[in-house]
């Protein structure tokens, strides 16, 4: 046990008072920096929680002003920039931090959130699943698939899965 205590004292600089006093400024500076980092992290954590609560409460209650509805989406593809108008979009699927935009002309990848697009696309778009937003103008039919599962078939033949909540939103949007 004496060896352990001696090792501990050696590591902390307490084997002699001079070693302790020499390392005191470094210890105080390190402690101060750690305290500042922890208080900033805690403040940001509290701010983030407040923002989430505010967005959750107001997201559905307040409609997006008409001037904030997207009239085009720009997608960079290498050295080219594609401009996609919302009426050209068939559907949008989430893919991690990106979204895949599907049109008759092809598929495009954009770094954007589904939440942002769902809030800023025109009213002809409905979120039928947490990972899928569909343009209602391109829906051919909605089919019951299984016990409580629905498939949305588009005019181009694509089939998309709708969640129960998404199916309810789609019915509400179509006035069914």
N, C-alpha and C. Protein backbone atom coordinates (compact mmCIF):
# COMPACT_ATOMS: atom_id res chain seq x y z
N UNK A 1 0.82 -1.19 0.00
CA UNK A 1 0.00 0.00 0.00
C UNK A 1 0.86 1.25 0.00
N UNK A 2 2.02 1.17 0.61
CA UNK A 2 2.90 2.33 0.65
C UNK A 2 3.41 2.68 -0.74
N UNK A 3 3.63 1.66 -1.58
CA UNK A 3 4.09 1.93 -2.94
C UNK A 3 3.02 2.66 -3.74
N UNK A 4 1.75 2.26 -3.55
CA UNK A 4 0.65 2.91 -4.25
C UNK A 4 0.56 4.38 -3.86
N UNK A 5 0.62 4.65 -2.57
CA UNK A 5 0.54 6.03 -2.09
C UNK A 5 1.72 6.85 -2.61
N UNK A 6 2.92 6.26 -2.59
CA UNK A 6 4.10 6.97 -3.09
C UNK A 6 3.96 7.27 -4.58
N UNK A 7 3.43 6.27 -5.36
CA UNK A 7 3.21 6.49 -6.80
C UNK A 7 2.22 7.61 -7.04
N UNK A 8 1.16 7.60 -6.24
CA UNK A 8 0.14 8.65 -6.37
C UNK A 8 0.73 10.02 -6.07
N UNK A 9 1.52 10.10 -5.04
CA UNK A 9 2.16 11.38 -4.72
C UNK A 9 3.12 11.82 -5.81
N UNK A 10 3.84 10.87 -6.39
CA UNK A 10 4.77 11.22 -7.47
C UNK A 10 4.05 11.74 -8.70
N UNK A 11 2.93 11.09 -9.03
CA UNK A 11 2.18 11.52 -10.21
C UNK A 11 1.57 12.91 -10.02
N UNK A 12 1.16 13.21 -8.81
CA UNK A 12 0.51 14.50 -8.56
C UNK A 12 1.49 15.60 -8.21
N UNK A 13 2.76 15.25 -8.04
CA UNK A 13 3.76 16.25 -7.72
C UNK A 13 3.82 16.58 -6.25
N UNK A 14 3.26 15.71 -5.40
CA UNK A 14 3.23 15.99 -3.97
C UNK A 14 4.41 15.37 -3.22
N UNK A 15 5.39 14.80 -3.95
CA UNK A 15 6.52 14.20 -3.24
C UNK A 15 7.37 15.26 -2.55
N UNK A 16 7.23 16.49 -3.05
CA UNK A 16 7.90 17.60 -2.37
C UNK A 16 7.04 18.83 -2.54
N UNK A 17 7.05 19.73 -1.56
CA UNK A 17 6.23 20.95 -1.68
C UNK A 17 6.63 21.81 -2.88
N UNK A 18 7.91 21.78 -3.25
CA UNK A 18 8.34 22.60 -4.38
C UNK A 18 7.68 22.14 -5.68
N UNK A 19 7.58 20.81 -5.87
CA UNK A 19 6.94 20.27 -7.08
C UNK A 19 5.47 20.66 -7.15
N UNK A 20 4.81 20.64 -5.99
CA UNK A 20 3.40 21.02 -5.96
C UNK A 20 3.23 22.49 -6.32
N UNK A 21 4.06 23.35 -5.72
CA UNK A 21 3.95 24.78 -5.98
C UNK A 21 4.31 25.14 -7.42
N UNK A 22 5.23 24.39 -8.01
CA UNK A 22 5.60 24.65 -9.40
C UNK A 22 4.46 24.27 -10.36
N UNK A 23 3.73 23.21 -10.02
CA UNK A 23 2.65 22.77 -10.91
C UNK A 23 1.31 23.43 -10.61
N UNK A 24 1.23 24.23 -9.56
CA UNK A 24 -0.03 24.87 -9.17
C UNK A 24 -0.62 25.75 -10.27
N UNK A 25 0.14 26.62 -10.96
CA UNK A 25 -0.48 27.42 -12.03
C UNK A 25 -1.08 26.56 -13.15
N UNK A 26 -0.41 25.48 -13.51
CA UNK A 26 -0.94 24.60 -14.57
C UNK A 26 -2.22 23.93 -14.10
N UNK A 27 -2.23 23.50 -12.83
CA UNK A 27 -3.43 22.86 -12.28
C UNK A 27 -4.61 23.84 -12.25
N UNK A 28 -4.36 25.07 -11.83
CA UNK A 28 -5.42 26.07 -11.79
C UNK A 28 -5.93 26.42 -13.18
N UNK A 29 -5.03 26.58 -14.13
CA UNK A 29 -5.42 26.90 -15.50
C UNK A 29 -6.23 25.76 -16.12
N UNK A 30 -5.78 24.53 -15.92
CA UNK A 30 -6.50 23.37 -16.45
C UNK A 30 -7.89 23.27 -15.82
N UNK A 31 -7.97 23.47 -14.51
CA UNK A 31 -9.26 23.42 -13.84
C UNK A 31 -10.20 24.51 -14.31
N UNK A 32 -9.66 25.72 -14.50
CA UNK A 32 -10.47 26.84 -14.97
C UNK A 32 -11.00 26.59 -16.39
N UNK A 33 -10.14 26.10 -17.28
CA UNK A 33 -10.57 25.80 -18.65
C UNK A 33 -11.64 24.70 -18.66
N UNK A 34 -11.46 23.69 -17.84
CA UNK A 34 -12.46 22.61 -17.77
C UNK A 34 -13.78 23.15 -17.25
N UNK A 35 -13.74 24.02 -16.24
CA UNK A 35 -14.96 24.59 -15.69
C UNK A 35 -15.68 25.45 -16.73
N UNK A 36 -14.94 26.27 -17.49
CA UNK A 36 -15.54 27.10 -18.54
C UNK A 36 -16.17 26.23 -19.62
N UNK A 37 -15.45 25.19 -20.04
CA UNK A 37 -15.99 24.30 -21.08
C UNK A 37 -17.27 23.62 -20.61
N UNK A 38 -17.29 23.16 -19.38
CA UNK A 38 -18.49 22.49 -18.87
C UNK A 38 -19.67 23.45 -18.73
N UNK A 39 -19.43 24.68 -18.27
CA UNK A 39 -20.55 25.61 -18.14
C UNK A 39 -21.10 26.02 -19.50
N UNK A 40 -20.23 26.20 -20.50
CA UNK A 40 -20.72 26.51 -21.85
C UNK A 40 -21.49 25.34 -22.44
N UNK A 41 -20.99 24.13 -22.23
CA UNK A 41 -21.70 22.95 -22.73
C UNK A 41 -23.07 22.85 -22.08
N UNK A 42 -23.15 23.09 -20.77
CA UNK A 42 -24.42 23.01 -20.08
C UNK A 42 -25.39 24.09 -20.56
N UNK A 43 -24.88 25.31 -20.78
CA UNK A 43 -25.74 26.39 -21.29
C UNK A 43 -26.29 26.05 -22.67
N UNK A 44 -25.44 25.51 -23.53
CA UNK A 44 -25.90 25.13 -24.87
C UNK A 44 -26.91 24.00 -24.80
N UNK A 45 -26.71 23.08 -23.90
CA UNK A 45 -27.65 21.97 -23.73
C UNK A 45 -29.01 22.50 -23.32
N UNK A 46 -29.03 23.42 -22.38
CA UNK A 46 -30.31 24.01 -21.95
C UNK A 46 -30.97 24.79 -23.08
N UNK A 47 -30.19 25.57 -23.84
CA UNK A 47 -30.74 26.33 -24.96
C UNK A 47 -31.31 25.40 -26.01
N UNK A 48 -30.63 24.32 -26.31
CA UNK A 48 -31.10 23.36 -27.31
C UNK A 48 -32.40 22.73 -26.91
N UNK A 49 -32.58 22.42 -25.63
CA UNK A 49 -33.82 21.82 -25.17
C UNK A 49 -34.96 22.81 -25.28
N UNK A 50 -34.71 24.09 -24.98
CA UNK A 50 -35.77 25.09 -25.12
C UNK A 50 -36.17 25.26 -26.58
N UNK A 51 -35.22 25.25 -27.48
CA UNK A 51 -35.51 25.42 -28.90
C UNK A 51 -36.37 24.27 -29.40
N UNK A 52 -36.05 23.03 -28.99
CA UNK A 52 -36.82 21.87 -29.43
C UNK A 52 -38.26 21.98 -28.95
N UNK A 53 -38.45 22.40 -27.71
CA UNK A 53 -39.80 22.53 -27.17
C UNK A 53 -40.56 23.60 -27.94
N UNK A 54 -39.93 24.74 -28.20
CA UNK A 54 -40.60 25.81 -28.92
C UNK A 54 -40.96 25.38 -30.33
N UNK A 55 -40.07 24.70 -31.04
CA UNK A 55 -40.34 24.29 -32.40
C UNK A 55 -41.44 23.24 -32.44
N UNK A 56 -41.46 22.33 -31.47
CA UNK A 56 -42.48 21.29 -31.44
C UNK A 56 -43.85 21.92 -31.21
N UNK A 57 -43.90 22.91 -30.33
CA UNK A 57 -45.18 23.53 -30.03
C UNK A 57 -45.69 24.38 -31.19
N UNK A 58 -44.82 25.04 -31.90
CA UNK A 58 -45.28 25.99 -32.91
C UNK A 58 -45.27 25.45 -34.33
N UNK A 59 -44.60 24.32 -34.55
CA UNK A 59 -44.44 23.83 -35.93
C UNK A 59 -45.78 23.55 -36.60
N UNK A 60 -46.68 22.87 -35.90
CA UNK A 60 -47.95 22.51 -36.51
C UNK A 60 -48.99 23.61 -36.36
N UNK A 61 -48.84 24.44 -35.34
CA UNK A 61 -49.85 25.46 -35.06
C UNK A 61 -49.76 26.65 -36.01
N UNK A 62 -48.57 27.01 -36.41
CA UNK A 62 -48.39 28.20 -37.24
C UNK A 62 -48.07 27.80 -38.67
N UNK A 63 -48.93 28.14 -39.62
CA UNK A 63 -48.61 27.80 -41.01
C UNK A 63 -47.45 28.64 -41.52
N UNK A 64 -46.75 28.11 -42.51
CA UNK A 64 -45.62 28.82 -43.10
C UNK A 64 -46.16 29.97 -43.94
N UNK A 65 -45.65 31.19 -43.72
CA UNK A 65 -46.12 32.32 -44.53
C UNK A 65 -45.89 32.06 -46.02
N UNK A 66 -46.75 32.60 -46.84
CA UNK A 66 -46.70 32.34 -48.27
C UNK A 66 -45.38 32.74 -48.90
N UNK A 67 -44.74 33.78 -48.36
CA UNK A 67 -43.46 34.20 -48.93
C UNK A 67 -42.33 33.23 -48.61
N UNK A 68 -42.55 32.30 -47.66
CA UNK A 68 -41.52 31.32 -47.30
C UNK A 68 -41.73 29.96 -47.98
N UNK A 69 -42.76 29.82 -48.80
CA UNK A 69 -43.00 28.59 -49.53
C UNK A 69 -41.99 28.54 -50.69
N UNK A 70 -41.35 27.39 -50.84
CA UNK A 70 -40.33 27.24 -51.88
C UNK A 70 -40.96 27.28 -53.27
N UNK A 71 -40.40 28.10 -54.15
CA UNK A 71 -40.86 28.09 -55.53
C UNK A 71 -39.85 27.37 -56.43
N UNK A 72 -38.69 27.04 -55.85
CA UNK A 72 -37.68 26.25 -56.58
C UNK A 72 -36.69 25.68 -55.57
N UNK A 73 -36.05 24.60 -55.98
CA UNK A 73 -35.02 23.97 -55.16
C UNK A 73 -33.78 23.87 -56.03
N UNK A 74 -32.68 24.39 -55.55
CA UNK A 74 -31.44 24.30 -56.32
C UNK A 74 -30.60 23.15 -55.77
N UNK A 75 -30.05 22.36 -56.69
CA UNK A 75 -29.24 21.19 -56.32
C UNK A 75 -27.93 21.27 -57.08
N UNK A 76 -26.84 21.23 -56.34
CA UNK A 76 -25.53 21.26 -56.96
C UNK A 76 -25.09 19.83 -57.26
N UNK A 77 -24.66 19.61 -58.50
CA UNK A 77 -24.21 18.30 -58.95
C UNK A 77 -22.87 18.48 -59.64
N UNK A 78 -21.79 18.32 -58.87
CA UNK A 78 -20.47 18.56 -59.45
C UNK A 78 -20.31 20.03 -59.77
N UNK A 79 -20.11 20.34 -61.05
CA UNK A 79 -19.95 21.73 -61.46
C UNK A 79 -21.26 22.33 -61.98
N UNK A 80 -22.33 21.52 -61.98
CA UNK A 80 -23.62 22.00 -62.47
C UNK A 80 -24.58 22.27 -61.31
N UNK A 81 -25.49 23.19 -61.54
CA UNK A 81 -26.55 23.47 -60.58
C UNK A 81 -27.88 23.25 -61.27
N UNK A 82 -28.69 22.35 -60.72
CA UNK A 82 -30.02 22.05 -61.26
C UNK A 82 -31.06 22.85 -60.48
N UNK A 83 -32.01 23.42 -61.20
CA UNK A 83 -33.13 24.12 -60.59
C UNK A 83 -34.36 23.23 -60.76
N UNK A 84 -34.96 22.84 -59.64
CA UNK A 84 -36.13 21.96 -59.67
C UNK A 84 -37.32 22.74 -59.12
N UNK A 85 -38.38 22.81 -59.89
CA UNK A 85 -39.60 23.46 -59.45
C UNK A 85 -40.44 22.43 -58.70
N UNK A 86 -41.14 22.83 -57.66
CA UNK A 86 -41.90 21.87 -56.86
C UNK A 86 -42.90 21.04 -57.66
N UNK A 87 -43.51 21.61 -58.70
CA UNK A 87 -44.48 20.83 -59.47
C UNK A 87 -43.81 19.71 -60.27
N UNK A 88 -42.48 19.77 -60.47
CA UNK A 88 -41.74 18.71 -61.15
C UNK A 88 -41.43 17.55 -60.21
N UNK A 89 -41.46 17.79 -58.90
CA UNK A 89 -41.12 16.75 -57.93
C UNK A 89 -42.22 15.70 -57.85
N UNK A 90 -41.82 14.43 -57.90
CA UNK A 90 -42.75 13.34 -57.68
C UNK A 90 -42.84 13.03 -56.20
N UNK A 91 -41.67 12.81 -55.58
CA UNK A 91 -41.60 12.55 -54.15
C UNK A 91 -40.19 12.82 -53.66
N UNK A 92 -40.06 12.84 -52.33
CA UNK A 92 -38.78 13.09 -51.67
C UNK A 92 -38.59 12.01 -50.63
N UNK A 93 -37.39 11.44 -50.58
CA UNK A 93 -37.09 10.43 -49.57
C UNK A 93 -35.88 10.86 -48.76
N UNK A 94 -35.92 10.59 -47.46
CA UNK A 94 -34.80 10.89 -46.57
C UNK A 94 -33.72 9.85 -46.74
N UNK A 95 -32.48 10.31 -46.61
CA UNK A 95 -31.32 9.42 -46.68
C UNK A 95 -30.26 10.00 -45.76
N UNK A 96 -30.38 9.72 -44.46
CA UNK A 96 -29.44 10.28 -43.49
C UNK A 96 -29.62 11.78 -43.37
N UNK A 97 -28.54 12.53 -43.52
CA UNK A 97 -28.59 14.00 -43.45
C UNK A 97 -28.97 14.61 -44.79
N UNK A 98 -29.25 13.80 -45.78
CA UNK A 98 -29.57 14.25 -47.13
C UNK A 98 -30.99 13.83 -47.49
N UNK A 99 -31.48 14.39 -48.59
CA UNK A 99 -32.76 13.95 -49.16
C UNK A 99 -32.54 13.63 -50.63
N UNK A 100 -33.26 12.65 -51.10
CA UNK A 100 -33.28 12.31 -52.53
C UNK A 100 -34.52 12.92 -53.12
N UNK A 101 -34.35 13.75 -54.14
CA UNK A 101 -35.46 14.39 -54.84
C UNK A 101 -35.70 13.63 -56.13
N UNK A 102 -36.90 13.10 -56.31
CA UNK A 102 -37.21 12.30 -57.49
C UNK A 102 -38.12 13.09 -58.43
N UNK A 103 -37.68 13.20 -59.69
CA UNK A 103 -38.47 13.85 -60.74
C UNK A 103 -38.56 12.88 -61.92
N UNK A 104 -39.33 13.26 -62.94
CA UNK A 104 -39.39 12.44 -64.16
C UNK A 104 -38.03 12.44 -64.87
N UNK A 105 -37.25 13.49 -64.69
CA UNK A 105 -35.96 13.61 -65.36
C UNK A 105 -34.84 12.86 -64.64
N UNK A 106 -35.02 12.53 -63.37
CA UNK A 106 -33.98 11.81 -62.64
C UNK A 106 -34.07 12.04 -61.15
N UNK A 107 -33.01 11.62 -60.50
CA UNK A 107 -32.92 11.69 -59.04
C UNK A 107 -31.78 12.64 -58.66
N UNK A 108 -32.02 13.47 -57.64
CA UNK A 108 -31.04 14.45 -57.20
C UNK A 108 -30.86 14.32 -55.69
N UNK A 109 -29.65 14.56 -55.22
CA UNK A 109 -29.35 14.49 -53.79
C UNK A 109 -29.08 15.90 -53.29
N UNK A 110 -29.70 16.25 -52.16
CA UNK A 110 -29.52 17.59 -51.59
C UNK A 110 -29.34 17.46 -50.09
N UNK A 111 -28.46 18.29 -49.54
CA UNK A 111 -28.27 18.31 -48.09
C UNK A 111 -29.33 19.23 -47.50
N UNK A 112 -30.40 18.63 -46.99
CA UNK A 112 -31.54 19.36 -46.45
C UNK A 112 -32.29 18.41 -45.52
N UNK A 113 -33.04 18.94 -44.60
CA UNK A 113 -33.81 18.07 -43.71
C UNK A 113 -35.23 17.89 -44.23
N UNK A 114 -35.81 16.76 -43.88
CA UNK A 114 -37.20 16.50 -44.25
C UNK A 114 -38.13 17.49 -43.56
N UNK A 115 -37.80 17.83 -42.33
CA UNK A 115 -38.63 18.76 -41.57
C UNK A 115 -38.71 20.12 -42.27
N UNK A 116 -37.59 20.61 -42.75
CA UNK A 116 -37.57 21.89 -43.46
C UNK A 116 -38.41 21.80 -44.74
N UNK A 117 -38.20 20.76 -45.52
CA UNK A 117 -38.93 20.63 -46.78
C UNK A 117 -40.43 20.47 -46.53
N UNK A 118 -40.80 19.67 -45.54
CA UNK A 118 -42.22 19.48 -45.23
C UNK A 118 -42.88 20.80 -44.85
N UNK A 119 -42.14 21.67 -44.19
CA UNK A 119 -42.70 22.95 -43.76
C UNK A 119 -42.72 23.99 -44.86
N UNK A 120 -41.83 23.87 -45.85
CA UNK A 120 -41.68 24.93 -46.84
C UNK A 120 -42.14 24.57 -48.26
N UNK A 121 -42.58 23.35 -48.49
CA UNK A 121 -43.11 22.99 -49.80
C UNK A 121 -44.56 23.44 -49.92
N UNK A 122 -45.05 23.60 -51.14
CA UNK A 122 -46.46 24.00 -51.31
C UNK A 122 -47.42 22.96 -50.71
N UNK A 123 -48.68 23.33 -50.62
CA UNK A 123 -49.68 22.48 -49.97
C UNK A 123 -49.99 21.21 -50.74
N UNK A 124 -49.48 21.06 -51.95
CA UNK A 124 -49.72 19.83 -52.71
C UNK A 124 -48.81 18.68 -52.25
N UNK A 125 -47.96 18.93 -51.26
CA UNK A 125 -47.06 17.90 -50.74
C UNK A 125 -47.53 17.45 -49.36
N UNK A 126 -47.49 16.13 -49.16
CA UNK A 126 -47.91 15.54 -47.88
C UNK A 126 -46.83 14.57 -47.42
N UNK A 127 -46.53 14.63 -46.14
CA UNK A 127 -45.56 13.69 -45.57
C UNK A 127 -46.30 12.42 -45.20
N UNK A 128 -46.08 11.36 -45.99
CA UNK A 128 -46.80 10.11 -45.78
C UNK A 128 -46.03 9.13 -44.89
N UNK A 129 -44.81 9.48 -44.58
CA UNK A 129 -43.96 8.64 -43.74
C UNK A 129 -42.88 9.56 -43.20
N UNK A 130 -42.22 9.19 -42.11
CA UNK A 130 -41.18 10.08 -41.59
C UNK A 130 -40.02 10.22 -42.57
N UNK A 131 -39.92 9.30 -43.54
CA UNK A 131 -38.83 9.38 -44.51
C UNK A 131 -39.33 9.63 -45.93
N UNK A 132 -40.59 10.06 -46.09
CA UNK A 132 -41.11 10.25 -47.44
C UNK A 132 -42.16 11.36 -47.50
N UNK A 133 -41.97 12.26 -48.47
CA UNK A 133 -42.94 13.32 -48.77
C UNK A 133 -43.36 13.11 -50.22
N UNK A 134 -44.65 13.13 -50.49
CA UNK A 134 -45.14 12.86 -51.84
C UNK A 134 -45.93 14.06 -52.38
N UNK A 135 -45.84 14.27 -53.69
CA UNK A 135 -46.62 15.28 -54.38
C UNK A 135 -47.96 14.66 -54.71
N UNK A 136 -49.02 15.17 -54.12
CA UNK A 136 -50.36 14.59 -54.28
C UNK A 136 -50.81 14.59 -55.73
N UNK A 137 -50.32 15.53 -56.53
CA UNK A 137 -50.70 15.62 -57.93
C UNK A 137 -50.24 14.40 -58.74
N UNK A 138 -49.28 13.65 -58.24
CA UNK A 138 -48.74 12.51 -58.98
C UNK A 138 -49.21 11.16 -58.42
N UNK A 139 -50.17 11.18 -57.50
CA UNK A 139 -50.69 9.93 -56.93
C UNK A 139 -51.74 9.34 -57.87
N UNK A 140 -51.59 8.04 -58.15
CA UNK A 140 -52.57 7.32 -58.95
C UNK A 140 -53.62 6.69 -58.05
N UNK A 141 -53.16 5.97 -57.00
CA UNK A 141 -54.10 5.36 -56.06
C UNK A 141 -53.38 5.01 -54.76
N UNK A 142 -54.20 4.75 -53.74
CA UNK A 142 -53.70 4.33 -52.43
C UNK A 142 -54.28 2.94 -52.17
N UNK A 143 -53.40 2.00 -51.83
CA UNK A 143 -53.82 0.61 -51.66
C UNK A 143 -53.56 0.14 -50.24
N UNK A 144 -54.50 -0.63 -49.70
CA UNK A 144 -54.29 -1.29 -48.42
C UNK A 144 -53.35 -2.45 -48.66
N UNK A 145 -52.30 -2.54 -47.87
CA UNK A 145 -51.30 -3.60 -48.03
C UNK A 145 -51.05 -4.20 -46.66
N UNK A 146 -51.62 -5.37 -46.43
CA UNK A 146 -51.49 -5.98 -45.11
C UNK A 146 -52.59 -5.47 -44.20
N UNK A 147 -52.37 -5.69 -42.90
CA UNK A 147 -53.40 -5.36 -41.93
C UNK A 147 -53.58 -3.85 -41.77
N UNK A 148 -52.52 -3.14 -41.43
CA UNK A 148 -52.61 -1.69 -41.25
C UNK A 148 -51.46 -1.00 -41.97
N UNK A 149 -51.21 -1.40 -43.18
CA UNK A 149 -50.14 -0.82 -43.97
C UNK A 149 -50.71 -0.37 -45.30
N UNK A 150 -50.24 0.77 -45.77
CA UNK A 150 -50.76 1.33 -47.01
C UNK A 150 -49.62 1.62 -47.97
N UNK A 151 -49.91 1.42 -49.24
CA UNK A 151 -48.97 1.75 -50.30
C UNK A 151 -49.58 2.84 -51.16
N UNK A 152 -48.76 3.80 -51.53
CA UNK A 152 -49.19 4.89 -52.40
C UNK A 152 -48.53 4.64 -53.75
N UNK A 153 -49.37 4.44 -54.77
CA UNK A 153 -48.85 4.18 -56.11
C UNK A 153 -48.92 5.47 -56.92
N UNK A 154 -47.78 5.83 -57.51
CA UNK A 154 -47.71 7.05 -58.32
C UNK A 154 -48.01 6.75 -59.78
N UNK A 155 -48.27 7.78 -60.56
CA UNK A 155 -48.60 7.62 -61.97
C UNK A 155 -47.47 7.03 -62.79
N UNK A 156 -46.22 7.19 -62.32
CA UNK A 156 -45.09 6.61 -63.06
C UNK A 156 -44.81 5.15 -62.66
N UNK A 157 -45.63 4.58 -61.76
CA UNK A 157 -45.48 3.19 -61.37
C UNK A 157 -44.74 2.97 -60.06
N UNK A 158 -44.17 4.00 -59.49
CA UNK A 158 -43.45 3.90 -58.22
C UNK A 158 -44.43 3.64 -57.09
N UNK A 159 -44.05 2.74 -56.18
CA UNK A 159 -44.86 2.45 -55.00
C UNK A 159 -44.13 2.92 -53.76
N UNK A 160 -44.82 3.68 -52.92
CA UNK A 160 -44.25 4.21 -51.69
C UNK A 160 -45.06 3.71 -50.50
N UNK A 161 -44.36 3.45 -49.40
CA UNK A 161 -45.03 2.99 -48.19
C UNK A 161 -45.49 4.19 -47.37
N UNK A 162 -46.72 4.11 -46.87
CA UNK A 162 -47.27 5.17 -46.02
C UNK A 162 -47.46 4.63 -44.61
N UNK A 163 -47.07 5.42 -43.62
CA UNK A 163 -47.32 5.03 -42.24
C UNK A 163 -48.80 5.26 -41.92
N UNK A 164 -49.23 4.81 -40.78
CA UNK A 164 -50.63 5.00 -40.39
C UNK A 164 -50.93 6.49 -40.23
N UNK A 165 -50.02 7.21 -39.56
CA UNK A 165 -50.20 8.66 -39.39
C UNK A 165 -50.14 9.37 -40.75
N UNK A 166 -49.24 8.92 -41.62
CA UNK A 166 -49.13 9.51 -42.95
C UNK A 166 -50.38 9.27 -43.78
N UNK A 167 -50.95 8.06 -43.65
CA UNK A 167 -52.18 7.74 -44.36
C UNK A 167 -53.32 8.64 -43.88
N UNK A 168 -53.38 8.90 -42.57
CA UNK A 168 -54.42 9.78 -42.03
C UNK A 168 -54.26 11.21 -42.56
N UNK A 169 -53.00 11.69 -42.60
CA UNK A 169 -52.75 13.02 -43.16
C UNK A 169 -53.14 13.09 -44.63
N UNK A 170 -52.82 12.03 -45.36
CA UNK A 170 -53.15 12.00 -46.79
C UNK A 170 -54.66 11.99 -46.99
N UNK A 171 -55.38 11.20 -46.20
CA UNK A 171 -56.85 11.20 -46.29
C UNK A 171 -57.42 12.58 -45.98
N UNK A 172 -56.87 13.20 -44.95
CA UNK A 172 -57.33 14.54 -44.56
C UNK A 172 -57.05 15.53 -45.69
N UNK A 173 -55.89 15.43 -46.31
CA UNK A 173 -55.52 16.35 -47.39
C UNK A 173 -56.42 16.14 -48.61
N UNK A 174 -56.80 14.89 -48.87
CA UNK A 174 -57.65 14.57 -50.02
C UNK A 174 -59.13 14.69 -49.70
N UNK A 175 -59.46 15.10 -48.48
CA UNK A 175 -60.85 15.25 -48.02
C UNK A 175 -61.62 13.95 -48.12
N UNK A 176 -61.01 12.85 -47.68
CA UNK A 176 -61.69 11.54 -47.69
C UNK A 176 -62.22 11.19 -46.32
